[in-house]
Amino acid sequence: MLPQVTLAAVLVAAASSSLAGDACTIEVGPMERFVQGYDLVVQPGERLTHVTALRGRVIVRGGAEVDEAMALGGDVVLEAGARVNGSATSIGGKVAVQGNAWVGENAVALGGEVVRSRESWVGGNVIALAVKVGDQTLTQSISQRLGDLARCKVVQVRARAASPTVQTGSGTPL
């Protein structure tokens, strides 16, 4: 399947068992951004490789460009004029491709829907999977497991030879 969907599934599945006693570490490269519990907003003119929000939305503004956009426990919103060269993926939320926003590969929502305007473009597959078993939806199940990832420590890797430093990235509180 899609590499980012596989990665997200592994993170969610592992959250309950592997984080029982220890916190995890997430390394973020110089052209990447990761936030927890906040909205991650990519501003016009910014060019990033990977953007990920845990328990928050990824919002790519018009004139911004990213290679991969992922939200775990939140939505991915591509405003008119935004560009995602690879895939836009939401695990536990929706993907909204507004106006003339552009997705080079796949638009994927596991636990939600993919909403597209008529002017938008998706170069690959549009996949939405919303499942309800008994009284619990896939989104609810994902949200419960993401709580265990709240103890993850995020480090910003500035250069390959440098030692990791704690990221102090900005975001918009939910």
N, C-alpha and C. Protein backbone atom coordinates (compact mmCIF):
# COMPACT_ATOMS: atom_id res chain seq x y z
N MET A 1 0.85 -1.19 0.00
CA MET A 1 0.00 0.00 0.00
C MET A 1 0.89 1.24 0.00
N LEU A 2 0.37 2.38 0.37
CA LEU A 2 1.13 3.62 0.39
C LEU A 2 2.11 3.63 1.55
N PRO A 3 3.34 4.11 1.34
CA PRO A 3 4.33 4.10 2.41
C PRO A 3 3.89 4.90 3.63
N GLN A 4 3.31 6.10 3.45
CA GLN A 4 2.91 6.89 4.60
C GLN A 4 1.73 6.26 5.34
N VAL A 5 0.84 5.59 4.63
CA VAL A 5 -0.27 4.91 5.29
C VAL A 5 0.27 3.74 6.11
N THR A 6 1.22 3.02 5.55
CA THR A 6 1.85 1.92 6.28
C THR A 6 2.54 2.43 7.53
N LEU A 7 3.31 3.53 7.41
CA LEU A 7 3.98 4.12 8.56
C LEU A 7 2.97 4.53 9.62
N ALA A 8 1.91 5.18 9.22
CA ALA A 8 0.91 5.63 10.19
C ALA A 8 0.25 4.45 10.87
N ALA A 9 -0.06 3.41 10.12
CA ALA A 9 -0.68 2.22 10.71
C ALA A 9 0.23 1.58 11.74
N VAL A 10 1.53 1.53 11.43
CA VAL A 10 2.49 0.97 12.37
C VAL A 10 2.56 1.82 13.63
N LEU A 11 2.62 3.15 13.47
CA LEU A 11 2.66 4.03 14.64
C LEU A 11 1.43 3.86 15.53
N VAL A 12 0.26 3.83 14.91
CA VAL A 12 -0.97 3.69 15.69
C VAL A 12 -1.03 2.33 16.36
N ALA A 13 -0.69 1.28 15.64
CA ALA A 13 -0.74 -0.07 16.21
C ALA A 13 0.27 -0.23 17.34
N ALA A 14 1.44 0.38 17.16
CA ALA A 14 2.50 0.23 18.16
C ALA A 14 2.30 1.12 19.38
N ALA A 15 1.47 2.13 19.26
CA ALA A 15 1.32 3.11 20.34
C ALA A 15 0.96 2.45 21.67
N SER A 16 -0.02 1.56 21.67
CA SER A 16 -0.47 0.96 22.92
C SER A 16 0.59 0.08 23.56
N SER A 17 1.24 -0.75 22.76
CA SER A 17 2.17 -1.71 23.33
C SER A 17 3.56 -1.14 23.57
N SER A 18 4.13 -0.46 22.61
CA SER A 18 5.53 -0.05 22.74
C SER A 18 5.74 1.15 23.64
N LEU A 19 4.72 1.93 23.90
CA LEU A 19 4.89 3.12 24.72
C LEU A 19 4.40 2.92 26.15
N ALA A 20 4.19 1.69 26.52
CA ALA A 20 3.66 1.43 27.86
C ALA A 20 4.55 2.03 28.94
N GLY A 21 5.86 1.96 28.80
CA GLY A 21 6.73 2.48 29.83
C GLY A 21 7.65 3.59 29.37
N ASP A 22 7.95 3.67 28.08
CA ASP A 22 8.92 4.63 27.58
C ASP A 22 8.27 5.58 26.59
N ALA A 23 8.85 6.76 26.47
CA ALA A 23 8.41 7.71 25.46
C ALA A 23 9.16 7.42 24.16
N CYS A 24 8.61 7.85 23.06
CA CYS A 24 9.28 7.66 21.78
C CYS A 24 10.00 8.95 21.38
N THR A 25 10.86 8.85 20.40
CA THR A 25 11.57 10.00 19.87
C THR A 25 11.27 10.10 18.38
N ILE A 26 10.91 11.28 17.94
CA ILE A 26 10.63 11.53 16.53
C ILE A 26 11.64 12.54 16.05
N GLU A 27 12.46 12.16 15.06
CA GLU A 27 13.47 13.07 14.51
C GLU A 27 12.90 13.77 13.29
N VAL A 28 13.12 15.08 13.23
CA VAL A 28 12.59 15.90 12.16
C VAL A 28 13.76 16.59 11.47
N GLY A 29 13.85 16.41 10.16
CA GLY A 29 14.94 16.99 9.38
C GLY A 29 14.73 18.47 9.10
N PRO A 30 15.73 19.09 8.49
CA PRO A 30 15.70 20.55 8.26
C PRO A 30 14.55 21.02 7.38
N MET A 31 14.08 20.21 6.46
CA MET A 31 12.99 20.61 5.57
C MET A 31 11.67 19.94 5.96
N GLU A 32 11.58 19.48 7.21
CA GLU A 32 10.39 18.78 7.69
C GLU A 32 9.81 19.55 8.87
N ARG A 33 8.54 19.28 9.16
CA ARG A 33 7.91 19.89 10.32
C ARG A 33 6.96 18.87 10.95
N PHE A 34 6.95 18.81 12.29
CA PHE A 34 6.08 17.91 13.05
C PHE A 34 5.56 18.67 14.26
N VAL A 35 4.26 18.56 14.52
CA VAL A 35 3.68 19.16 15.72
C VAL A 35 2.74 18.16 16.38
N GLN A 36 2.55 18.33 17.70
CA GLN A 36 1.62 17.51 18.47
C GLN A 36 0.60 18.41 19.14
N GLY A 37 -0.70 18.11 18.95
CA GLY A 37 -1.75 18.83 19.64
C GLY A 37 -2.00 20.23 19.10
N TYR A 38 -1.44 20.55 17.96
CA TYR A 38 -1.60 21.87 17.33
C TYR A 38 -1.89 21.69 15.85
N ASP A 39 -2.38 22.77 15.24
CA ASP A 39 -2.48 22.80 13.79
C ASP A 39 -1.11 23.18 13.23
N LEU A 40 -0.69 22.48 12.20
CA LEU A 40 0.55 22.78 11.50
C LEU A 40 0.17 23.54 10.24
N VAL A 41 0.59 24.79 10.13
CA VAL A 41 0.23 25.63 8.99
C VAL A 41 1.47 25.90 8.16
N VAL A 42 1.41 25.53 6.87
CA VAL A 42 2.49 25.82 5.93
C VAL A 42 2.08 27.09 5.19
N GLN A 43 2.88 28.13 5.36
CA GLN A 43 2.54 29.46 4.84
C GLN A 43 2.91 29.61 3.37
N PRO A 44 2.27 30.55 2.66
CA PRO A 44 2.62 30.80 1.26
C PRO A 44 4.12 31.07 1.11
N GLY A 45 4.71 30.47 0.08
CA GLY A 45 6.14 30.64 -0.18
C GLY A 45 7.02 29.60 0.50
N GLU A 46 6.48 28.87 1.49
CA GLU A 46 7.27 27.83 2.14
C GLU A 46 7.34 26.60 1.26
N ARG A 47 8.49 25.91 1.32
CA ARG A 47 8.71 24.66 0.57
C ARG A 47 9.31 23.66 1.54
N LEU A 48 8.54 22.60 1.90
CA LEU A 48 8.97 21.59 2.86
C LEU A 48 8.85 20.21 2.24
N THR A 49 9.62 19.24 2.78
CA THR A 49 9.53 17.88 2.26
C THR A 49 8.40 17.11 2.94
N HIS A 50 8.41 17.03 4.27
CA HIS A 50 7.39 16.26 4.99
C HIS A 50 6.80 17.11 6.11
N VAL A 51 5.47 17.13 6.19
CA VAL A 51 4.80 17.81 7.29
C VAL A 51 3.83 16.83 7.92
N THR A 52 3.86 16.75 9.26
CA THR A 52 3.03 15.79 9.98
C THR A 52 2.48 16.45 11.23
N ALA A 53 1.18 16.29 11.47
CA ALA A 53 0.55 16.75 12.70
C ALA A 53 -0.03 15.54 13.42
N LEU A 54 0.27 15.43 14.70
CA LEU A 54 -0.29 14.39 15.56
C LEU A 54 -1.32 15.06 16.44
N ARG A 55 -2.57 14.64 16.31
CA ARG A 55 -3.70 15.24 17.03
C ARG A 55 -3.84 16.73 16.68
N GLY A 56 -3.76 17.03 15.41
CA GLY A 56 -3.94 18.39 14.89
C GLY A 56 -4.10 18.33 13.39
N ARG A 57 -4.45 19.46 12.81
CA ARG A 57 -4.63 19.53 11.36
C ARG A 57 -3.34 19.97 10.67
N VAL A 58 -3.17 19.54 9.43
CA VAL A 58 -2.15 20.09 8.53
C VAL A 58 -2.90 20.99 7.57
N ILE A 59 -2.51 22.26 7.53
CA ILE A 59 -3.13 23.23 6.64
C ILE A 59 -2.04 23.76 5.72
N VAL A 60 -2.20 23.53 4.42
CA VAL A 60 -1.24 24.02 3.43
C VAL A 60 -1.92 25.18 2.72
N ARG A 61 -1.39 26.37 2.93
CA ARG A 61 -1.96 27.58 2.35
C ARG A 61 -1.60 27.69 0.87
N GLY A 62 -2.40 28.46 0.14
CA GLY A 62 -2.12 28.71 -1.27
C GLY A 62 -0.74 29.31 -1.45
N GLY A 63 0.02 28.81 -2.40
CA GLY A 63 1.37 29.29 -2.64
C GLY A 63 2.43 28.52 -1.86
N ALA A 64 2.00 27.59 -1.01
CA ALA A 64 2.94 26.74 -0.26
C ALA A 64 3.06 25.41 -1.00
N GLU A 65 4.21 24.73 -0.78
CA GLU A 65 4.46 23.45 -1.45
C GLU A 65 5.12 22.48 -0.48
N VAL A 66 4.58 21.26 -0.42
CA VAL A 66 5.18 20.20 0.39
C VAL A 66 5.24 18.93 -0.45
N ASP A 67 6.17 18.05 -0.09
CA ASP A 67 6.24 16.77 -0.79
C ASP A 67 5.22 15.78 -0.24
N GLU A 68 5.10 15.69 1.08
CA GLU A 68 4.15 14.77 1.72
C GLU A 68 3.48 15.48 2.87
N ALA A 69 2.16 15.33 3.01
CA ALA A 69 1.41 15.93 4.11
C ALA A 69 0.62 14.83 4.80
N MET A 70 0.75 14.76 6.15
CA MET A 70 0.04 13.73 6.90
C MET A 70 -0.47 14.28 8.23
N ALA A 71 -1.71 13.91 8.55
CA ALA A 71 -2.28 14.22 9.85
C ALA A 71 -2.72 12.91 10.49
N LEU A 72 -2.30 12.71 11.74
CA LEU A 72 -2.72 11.55 12.52
C LEU A 72 -3.66 12.06 13.60
N GLY A 73 -4.95 11.75 13.48
CA GLY A 73 -5.93 12.26 14.42
C GLY A 73 -6.36 13.68 14.07
N GLY A 74 -6.34 14.03 12.81
CA GLY A 74 -6.74 15.36 12.35
C GLY A 74 -6.91 15.38 10.84
N ASP A 75 -7.29 16.54 10.33
CA ASP A 75 -7.54 16.71 8.90
C ASP A 75 -6.31 17.23 8.17
N VAL A 76 -6.26 16.99 6.87
CA VAL A 76 -5.32 17.64 5.97
C VAL A 76 -6.14 18.56 5.09
N VAL A 77 -5.82 19.85 5.13
CA VAL A 77 -6.57 20.85 4.36
C VAL A 77 -5.60 21.53 3.40
N LEU A 78 -5.89 21.41 2.11
CA LEU A 78 -5.11 22.08 1.08
C LEU A 78 -5.96 23.22 0.54
N GLU A 79 -5.56 24.44 0.86
CA GLU A 79 -6.31 25.59 0.39
C GLU A 79 -6.03 25.84 -1.08
N ALA A 80 -6.88 26.62 -1.73
CA ALA A 80 -6.71 26.93 -3.15
C ALA A 80 -5.30 27.42 -3.42
N GLY A 81 -4.65 26.85 -4.43
CA GLY A 81 -3.30 27.23 -4.79
C GLY A 81 -2.21 26.47 -4.06
N ALA A 82 -2.58 25.58 -3.13
CA ALA A 82 -1.59 24.76 -2.41
C ALA A 82 -1.16 23.60 -3.29
N ARG A 83 0.04 23.10 -3.00
CA ARG A 83 0.58 21.99 -3.80
C ARG A 83 1.22 20.95 -2.88
N VAL A 84 0.79 19.69 -3.07
CA VAL A 84 1.44 18.55 -2.42
C VAL A 84 1.94 17.67 -3.56
N ASN A 85 3.25 17.54 -3.66
CA ASN A 85 3.84 16.80 -4.78
C ASN A 85 3.60 15.30 -4.68
N GLY A 86 3.57 14.77 -3.47
CA GLY A 86 3.32 13.35 -3.24
C GLY A 86 1.88 13.14 -2.80
N SER A 87 1.73 12.56 -1.60
CA SER A 87 0.39 12.22 -1.11
C SER A 87 -0.03 13.10 0.06
N ALA A 88 -1.34 13.30 0.15
CA ALA A 88 -1.98 13.97 1.29
C ALA A 88 -2.78 12.90 2.01
N THR A 89 -2.40 12.63 3.29
CA THR A 89 -2.96 11.49 4.01
C THR A 89 -3.46 11.92 5.38
N SER A 90 -4.68 11.51 5.71
CA SER A 90 -5.21 11.72 7.05
C SER A 90 -5.59 10.36 7.62
N ILE A 91 -5.10 10.10 8.84
CA ILE A 91 -5.48 8.90 9.57
C ILE A 91 -6.34 9.38 10.72
N GLY A 92 -7.64 9.14 10.65
CA GLY A 92 -8.54 9.60 11.71
C GLY A 92 -9.13 10.97 11.43
N GLY A 93 -9.18 11.38 10.18
CA GLY A 93 -9.75 12.67 9.81
C GLY A 93 -10.07 12.68 8.32
N LYS A 94 -10.25 13.88 7.78
CA LYS A 94 -10.57 13.99 6.35
C LYS A 94 -9.45 14.70 5.61
N VAL A 95 -9.48 14.59 4.30
CA VAL A 95 -8.60 15.34 3.41
C VAL A 95 -9.50 16.26 2.60
N ALA A 96 -9.22 17.57 2.65
CA ALA A 96 -9.99 18.56 1.89
C ALA A 96 -9.06 19.21 0.88
N VAL A 97 -9.40 19.08 -0.39
CA VAL A 97 -8.61 19.66 -1.48
C VAL A 97 -9.47 20.77 -2.09
N GLN A 98 -9.16 22.00 -1.72
CA GLN A 98 -10.01 23.15 -2.04
C GLN A 98 -9.53 23.88 -3.28
N GLY A 99 -10.46 24.56 -3.95
CA GLY A 99 -10.12 25.39 -5.10
C GLY A 99 -9.28 24.64 -6.11
N ASN A 100 -8.21 25.26 -6.58
CA ASN A 100 -7.33 24.63 -7.56
C ASN A 100 -6.12 23.96 -6.91
N ALA A 101 -6.26 23.50 -5.68
CA ALA A 101 -5.16 22.80 -5.00
C ALA A 101 -4.78 21.56 -5.79
N TRP A 102 -3.52 21.14 -5.61
CA TRP A 102 -2.93 20.10 -6.45
C TRP A 102 -2.28 19.04 -5.59
N VAL A 103 -2.61 17.76 -5.84
CA VAL A 103 -1.98 16.62 -5.17
C VAL A 103 -1.38 15.75 -6.27
N GLY A 104 -0.06 15.56 -6.24
CA GLY A 104 0.63 14.83 -7.30
C GLY A 104 0.35 13.34 -7.29
N GLU A 105 0.16 12.77 -6.11
CA GLU A 105 -0.06 11.33 -6.03
C GLU A 105 -1.45 11.05 -5.45
N ASN A 106 -1.52 10.56 -4.21
CA ASN A 106 -2.79 10.08 -3.66
C ASN A 106 -3.36 11.00 -2.59
N ALA A 107 -4.68 11.04 -2.52
CA ALA A 107 -5.41 11.70 -1.44
C ALA A 107 -6.10 10.58 -0.66
N VAL A 108 -5.68 10.39 0.60
CA VAL A 108 -6.13 9.23 1.38
C VAL A 108 -6.67 9.68 2.73
N ALA A 109 -7.86 9.21 3.08
CA ALA A 109 -8.45 9.46 4.40
C ALA A 109 -8.90 8.13 4.99
N LEU A 110 -8.22 7.70 6.05
CA LEU A 110 -8.62 6.49 6.76
C LEU A 110 -9.38 6.91 8.00
N GLY A 111 -10.68 6.66 8.00
CA GLY A 111 -11.52 7.09 9.11
C GLY A 111 -12.30 8.35 8.78
N GLY A 112 -12.16 8.86 7.58
CA GLY A 112 -12.85 10.08 7.18
C GLY A 112 -13.15 10.06 5.71
N GLU A 113 -13.28 11.24 5.14
CA GLU A 113 -13.63 11.35 3.73
C GLU A 113 -12.63 12.25 3.01
N VAL A 114 -12.60 12.13 1.69
CA VAL A 114 -11.82 13.03 0.85
C VAL A 114 -12.83 13.94 0.16
N VAL A 115 -12.66 15.24 0.42
CA VAL A 115 -13.56 16.24 -0.16
C VAL A 115 -12.75 17.06 -1.14
N ARG A 116 -13.22 17.12 -2.39
CA ARG A 116 -12.49 17.83 -3.45
C ARG A 116 -13.38 18.84 -4.13
N SER A 117 -12.79 19.98 -4.50
CA SER A 117 -13.52 20.92 -5.33
C SER A 117 -13.41 20.47 -6.78
N ARG A 118 -14.24 21.03 -7.62
CA ARG A 118 -14.22 20.66 -9.03
C ARG A 118 -12.93 21.11 -9.72
N GLU A 119 -12.30 22.16 -9.20
CA GLU A 119 -11.09 22.70 -9.81
C GLU A 119 -9.82 22.00 -9.32
N SER A 120 -9.92 21.18 -8.29
CA SER A 120 -8.73 20.54 -7.72
C SER A 120 -8.24 19.42 -8.64
N TRP A 121 -6.99 18.99 -8.38
CA TRP A 121 -6.41 17.91 -9.18
C TRP A 121 -5.69 16.94 -8.27
N VAL A 122 -5.97 15.65 -8.46
CA VAL A 122 -5.28 14.56 -7.76
C VAL A 122 -4.74 13.63 -8.83
N GLY A 123 -3.40 13.43 -8.85
CA GLY A 123 -2.77 12.65 -9.90
C GLY A 123 -2.83 11.14 -9.69
N GLY A 124 -3.16 10.71 -8.48
CA GLY A 124 -3.20 9.27 -8.19
C GLY A 124 -4.59 8.86 -7.74
N ASN A 125 -4.62 8.02 -6.74
CA ASN A 125 -5.88 7.51 -6.23
C ASN A 125 -6.50 8.43 -5.19
N VAL A 126 -7.82 8.39 -5.12
CA VAL A 126 -8.57 9.05 -4.06
C VAL A 126 -9.18 7.91 -3.24
N ILE A 127 -8.72 7.79 -1.97
CA ILE A 127 -9.14 6.67 -1.14
C ILE A 127 -9.71 7.20 0.17
N ALA A 128 -10.93 6.78 0.49
CA ALA A 128 -11.55 7.15 1.76
C ALA A 128 -12.14 5.88 2.36
N LEU A 129 -11.81 5.64 3.63
CA LEU A 129 -12.30 4.46 4.31
C LEU A 129 -12.82 4.87 5.68
N ALA A 130 -14.12 4.76 5.85
CA ALA A 130 -14.75 5.05 7.14
C ALA A 130 -15.51 3.80 7.56
N VAL A 131 -15.13 3.22 8.67
CA VAL A 131 -15.70 1.96 9.12
C VAL A 131 -16.27 2.15 10.53
N LYS A 132 -17.39 1.51 10.78
CA LYS A 132 -17.96 1.53 12.13
C LYS A 132 -18.22 0.08 12.54
N VAL A 133 -17.64 -0.30 13.69
CA VAL A 133 -17.85 -1.63 14.24
C VAL A 133 -18.55 -1.43 15.58
N GLY A 134 -19.77 -1.89 15.66
CA GLY A 134 -20.55 -1.65 16.88
C GLY A 134 -20.81 -0.16 17.02
N ASP A 135 -20.48 0.38 18.17
CA ASP A 135 -20.70 1.80 18.43
C ASP A 135 -19.46 2.66 18.15
N GLN A 136 -18.35 2.05 17.75
CA GLN A 136 -17.11 2.80 17.59
C GLN A 136 -16.70 2.91 16.12
N THR A 137 -16.38 4.14 15.70
CA THR A 137 -15.91 4.36 14.34
C THR A 137 -14.41 4.15 14.30
N LEU A 138 -13.88 4.03 13.09
CA LEU A 138 -12.44 3.91 12.90
C LEU A 138 -11.73 5.15 13.45
N THR A 139 -12.31 6.32 13.23
CA THR A 139 -11.74 7.57 13.75
C THR A 139 -11.66 7.55 15.26
N GLN A 140 -12.69 7.08 15.94
CA GLN A 140 -12.68 7.01 17.40
C GLN A 140 -11.61 6.03 17.89
N SER A 141 -11.50 4.90 17.23
CA SER A 141 -10.49 3.92 17.60
C SER A 141 -9.08 4.47 17.43
N ILE A 142 -8.84 5.16 16.32
CA ILE A 142 -7.54 5.76 16.06
C ILE A 142 -7.24 6.83 17.11
N SER A 143 -8.20 7.68 17.41
CA SER A 143 -8.00 8.75 18.40
C SER A 143 -7.62 8.20 19.76
N GLN A 144 -8.24 7.11 20.17
CA GLN A 144 -7.92 6.49 21.46
C GLN A 144 -6.46 6.04 21.48
N ARG A 145 -6.01 5.42 20.43
CA ARG A 145 -4.63 4.92 20.39
C ARG A 145 -3.60 6.03 20.25
N LEU A 146 -3.96 7.14 19.63
CA LEU A 146 -3.02 8.25 19.47
C LEU A 146 -2.69 8.91 20.80
N GLY A 147 -3.54 8.77 21.79
CA GLY A 147 -3.25 9.35 23.09
C GLY A 147 -1.95 8.85 23.66
N ASP A 148 -1.59 7.61 23.38
CA ASP A 148 -0.34 7.04 23.88
C ASP A 148 0.89 7.69 23.24
N LEU A 149 0.73 8.30 22.08
CA LEU A 149 1.86 8.95 21.42
C LEU A 149 2.13 10.34 21.97
N ALA A 150 1.32 10.83 22.89
CA ALA A 150 1.48 12.18 23.43
C ALA A 150 2.82 12.35 24.14
N ARG A 151 3.42 11.27 24.59
CA ARG A 151 4.70 11.36 25.31
C ARG A 151 5.90 11.39 24.38
N CYS A 152 5.68 11.40 23.07
CA CYS A 152 6.80 11.41 22.14
C CYS A 152 7.58 12.71 22.26
N LYS A 153 8.89 12.59 22.20
CA LYS A 153 9.79 13.75 22.22
C LYS A 153 10.18 14.03 20.78
N VAL A 154 10.08 15.26 20.38
CA VAL A 154 10.42 15.65 19.02
C VAL A 154 11.78 16.34 19.05
N VAL A 155 12.69 15.87 18.21
CA VAL A 155 14.00 16.52 18.09
C VAL A 155 14.19 16.99 16.66
N GLN A 156 14.75 18.18 16.52
CA GLN A 156 15.03 18.75 15.20
C GLN A 156 16.47 18.41 14.84
N VAL A 157 16.65 17.70 13.75
CA VAL A 157 17.99 17.38 13.26
C VAL A 157 18.35 18.47 12.25
N ARG A 158 19.26 19.35 12.62
CA ARG A 158 19.59 20.52 11.79
C ARG A 158 20.51 20.15 10.63
N ALA A 159 21.46 19.25 10.85
CA ALA A 159 22.37 18.78 9.80
C ALA A 159 22.79 17.37 10.18
N ARG A 160 23.21 16.59 9.22
CA ARG A 160 23.56 15.20 9.48
C ARG A 160 24.66 15.06 10.53
N ALA A 161 25.64 15.95 10.56
CA ALA A 161 26.75 15.83 11.50
C ALA A 161 26.42 16.43 12.87
N ALA A 162 25.39 17.25 12.96
CA ALA A 162 25.06 17.90 14.22
C ALA A 162 24.27 16.97 15.12
N SER A 163 24.37 17.21 16.43
CA SER A 163 23.55 16.42 17.35
C SER A 163 22.15 17.00 17.39
N PRO A 164 21.16 16.13 17.66
CA PRO A 164 19.77 16.59 17.69
C PRO A 164 19.55 17.62 18.81
N THR A 165 18.70 18.60 18.52
CA THR A 165 18.28 19.56 19.52
C THR A 165 16.76 19.55 19.59
N VAL A 166 16.21 19.95 20.69
CA VAL A 166 14.76 19.92 20.86
C VAL A 166 14.13 20.96 19.96
N GLN A 167 13.10 20.54 19.22
CA GLN A 167 12.40 21.43 18.32
C GLN A 167 11.47 22.34 19.11
N THR A 168 11.42 23.61 18.73
CA THR A 168 10.52 24.54 19.38
C THR A 168 9.52 25.09 18.39
N GLY A 169 9.12 24.28 17.40
CA GLY A 169 8.26 24.74 16.31
C GLY A 169 7.00 25.42 16.78
N SER A 170 6.44 26.24 15.90
CA SER A 170 5.21 26.96 16.24
C SER A 170 4.03 26.25 15.65
N GLY A 171 2.90 26.53 16.18
CA GLY A 171 1.64 25.96 15.69
C GLY A 171 0.50 26.75 16.26
N THR A 172 -0.70 26.40 15.85
CA THR A 172 -1.89 27.05 16.35
C THR A 172 -2.58 26.09 17.29
N PRO A 173 -2.79 26.45 18.57
CA PRO A 173 -3.45 25.53 19.49
C PRO A 173 -4.83 25.13 18.98
N LEU A 174 -5.20 23.89 19.26
CA LEU A 174 -6.53 23.42 18.88
C LEU A 174 -7.57 24.03 19.75
